[in-house]
Amino acid sequence: MGKNWVHIQDGTGGKEGTPTELVITTNALPNPGDVIAIEGTLYADKDFGAGYKYDVIIENSKVETLTSKKEKN
């Protein structure tokens, strides 16, 4: 699809066994552990077919790195 698919976990948790991640599509590629801010278009009930269905997804996101994990090491 020509984009990076980033799975964000904000640590809020949820009911046991319930995923609490947000998926975004972007041309950027943040590093695992980075703290980021995103801006994009929010869609609900997006179905790409072939089993790729999302209750919520943010597409064409701009990503700003607020704190890089690399800076902390």
C-alpha atoms as a PDB file:
ATOM      1  CA  MET A   1       0.000   0.000   0.000  1.00  0.00           C
ATOM      2  CA  GLY A   2       3.080   2.252  -0.001  1.00  0.00           C
ATOM      3  CA  LYS A   3       2.712   3.479   3.582  1.00  0.00           C
ATOM      4  CA  ASN A   4       3.950   2.536   7.020  1.00  0.00           C
ATOM      5  CA  TRP A   5       1.362   1.029   9.338  1.00  0.00           C
ATOM      6  CA  VAL A   6       2.138   2.106  12.901  1.00  0.00           C
ATOM      7  CA  HIS A   7       0.437   0.536  15.919  1.00  0.00           C
ATOM      8  CA  ILE A   8       0.316   2.953  18.851  1.00  0.00           C
ATOM      9  CA  GLN A   9      -0.297   1.868  22.436  1.00  0.00           C
ATOM     10  CA  ASP A  10      -1.039   4.641  24.895  1.00  0.00           C
ATOM     11  CA  GLY A  11      -0.936   2.501  28.026  1.00  0.00           C
ATOM     12  CA  THR A  12      -4.528   3.155  29.064  1.00  0.00           C
ATOM     13  CA  GLY A  13      -5.332  -0.539  29.029  1.00  0.00           C
ATOM     14  CA  GLY A  14      -8.751  -2.002  28.633  1.00  0.00           C
ATOM     15  CA  LYS A  15     -10.792  -5.020  29.525  1.00  0.00           C
ATOM     16  CA  GLU A  16      -8.752  -8.187  29.630  1.00  0.00           C
ATOM     17  CA  GLY A  17      -8.068  -9.423  26.130  1.00  0.00           C
ATOM     18  CA  THR A  18      -9.267  -6.192  24.517  1.00  0.00           C
ATOM     19  CA  PRO A  19      -6.709  -4.525  22.256  1.00  0.00           C
ATOM     20  CA  THR A  20      -6.005  -0.915  23.170  1.00  0.00           C
ATOM     21  CA  GLU A  21      -3.938   0.156  20.223  1.00  0.00           C
ATOM     22  CA  LEU A  22      -4.550   2.765  17.587  1.00  0.00           C
ATOM     23  CA  VAL A  23      -3.395   2.143  14.017  1.00  0.00           C
ATOM     24  CA  ILE A  24      -2.143   4.977  11.836  1.00  0.00           C
ATOM     25  CA  THR A  25      -0.841   5.092   8.288  1.00  0.00           C
ATOM     26  CA  THR A  26       2.020   7.456   7.533  1.00  0.00           C
ATOM     27  CA  ASN A  27       5.031   8.039   5.320  1.00  0.00           C
ATOM     28  CA  ALA A  28       7.112   8.602   8.480  1.00  0.00           C
ATOM     29  CA  LEU A  29       8.618   5.781  10.522  1.00  0.00           C
ATOM     30  CA  PRO A  30       8.865   6.536  14.245  1.00  0.00           C
ATOM     31  CA  ASN A  31      11.136   4.374  16.386  1.00  0.00           C
ATOM     32  CA  PRO A  32       9.692   2.005  18.990  1.00  0.00           C
ATOM     33  CA  GLY A  33       9.495   3.814  22.331  1.00  0.00           C
ATOM     34  CA  ASP A  34       9.350   7.318  20.847  1.00  0.00           C
ATOM     35  CA  VAL A  35       6.752   9.726  22.187  1.00  0.00           C
ATOM     36  CA  ILE A  36       4.964  11.175  19.168  1.00  0.00           C
ATOM     37  CA  ALA A  37       2.145  13.503  18.200  1.00  0.00           C
ATOM     38  CA  ILE A  38       0.096  12.670  15.120  1.00  0.00           C
ATOM     39  CA  GLU A  39      -2.296  14.525  12.866  1.00  0.00           C
ATOM     40  CA  GLY A  40      -4.355  12.812  10.189  1.00  0.00           C
ATOM     41  CA  THR A  41      -7.825  11.830   9.049  1.00  0.00           C
ATOM     42  CA  LEU A  42      -9.845   9.680  11.458  1.00  0.00           C
ATOM     43  CA  TYR A  43     -12.036   6.938   9.983  1.00  0.00           C
ATOM     44  CA  ALA A  44     -14.445   4.567  11.722  1.00  0.00           C
ATOM     45  CA  ASP A  45     -15.277   1.028  10.549  1.00  0.00           C
ATOM     46  CA  LYS A  46     -12.683   1.036   7.756  1.00  0.00           C
ATOM     47  CA  ASP A  47     -12.516  -2.223   5.776  1.00  0.00           C
ATOM     48  CA  PHE A  48      -9.615  -2.638   3.334  1.00  0.00           C
ATOM     49  CA  GLY A  49     -10.599  -6.223   2.514  1.00  0.00           C
ATOM     50  CA  ALA A  50      -8.398  -9.329   2.871  1.00  0.00           C
ATOM     51  CA  GLY A  51      -9.006  -9.297   6.639  1.00  0.00           C
ATOM     52  CA  TYR A  52      -7.769  -5.743   7.230  1.00  0.00           C
ATOM     53  CA  LYS A  53     -10.676  -4.175   9.115  1.00  0.00           C
ATOM     54  CA  TYR A  54     -10.345  -1.473  11.740  1.00  0.00           C
ATOM     55  CA  ASP A  55     -12.908  -0.035  14.140  1.00  0.00           C
ATOM     56  CA  VAL A  56     -10.830   3.166  14.149  1.00  0.00           C
ATOM     57  CA  ILE A  57      -7.833   4.183  12.028  1.00  0.00           C
ATOM     58  CA  ILE A  58      -6.039   7.471  11.388  1.00  0.00           C
ATOM     59  CA  GLU A  59      -4.794   7.706   7.804  1.00  0.00           C
ATOM     60  CA  ASN A  60      -2.224   9.889   6.036  1.00  0.00           C
ATOM     61  CA  SER A  61      -0.795  10.958   9.378  1.00  0.00           C
ATOM     62  CA  LYS A  62       1.897  13.552   9.919  1.00  0.00           C
ATOM     63  CA  VAL A  63       4.154  12.440  12.761  1.00  0.00           C
ATOM     64  CA  GLU A  64       6.098  14.734  15.094  1.00  0.00           C
ATOM     65  CA  THR A  65       8.612  13.105  17.438  1.00  0.00           C
ATOM     66  CA  LEU A  66       8.320  14.759  20.857  1.00  0.00           C
ATOM     67  CA  THR A  67      10.819  12.552  22.685  1.00  0.00           C
ATOM     68  CA  SER A  68      13.076  10.045  20.988  1.00  0.00           C
ATOM     69  CA  LYS A  69      14.027   6.861  22.805  1.00  0.00           C
ATOM     70  CA  LYS A  70      17.448   7.229  21.160  1.00  0.00           C
ATOM     71  CA  GLU A  71      17.909  10.587  22.958  1.00  0.00           C
ATOM     72  CA  LYS A  72      17.297   8.915  26.334  1.00  0.00           C
ATOM     73  CA  ASN A  73      20.049   6.290  25.894  1.00  0.00           C
END
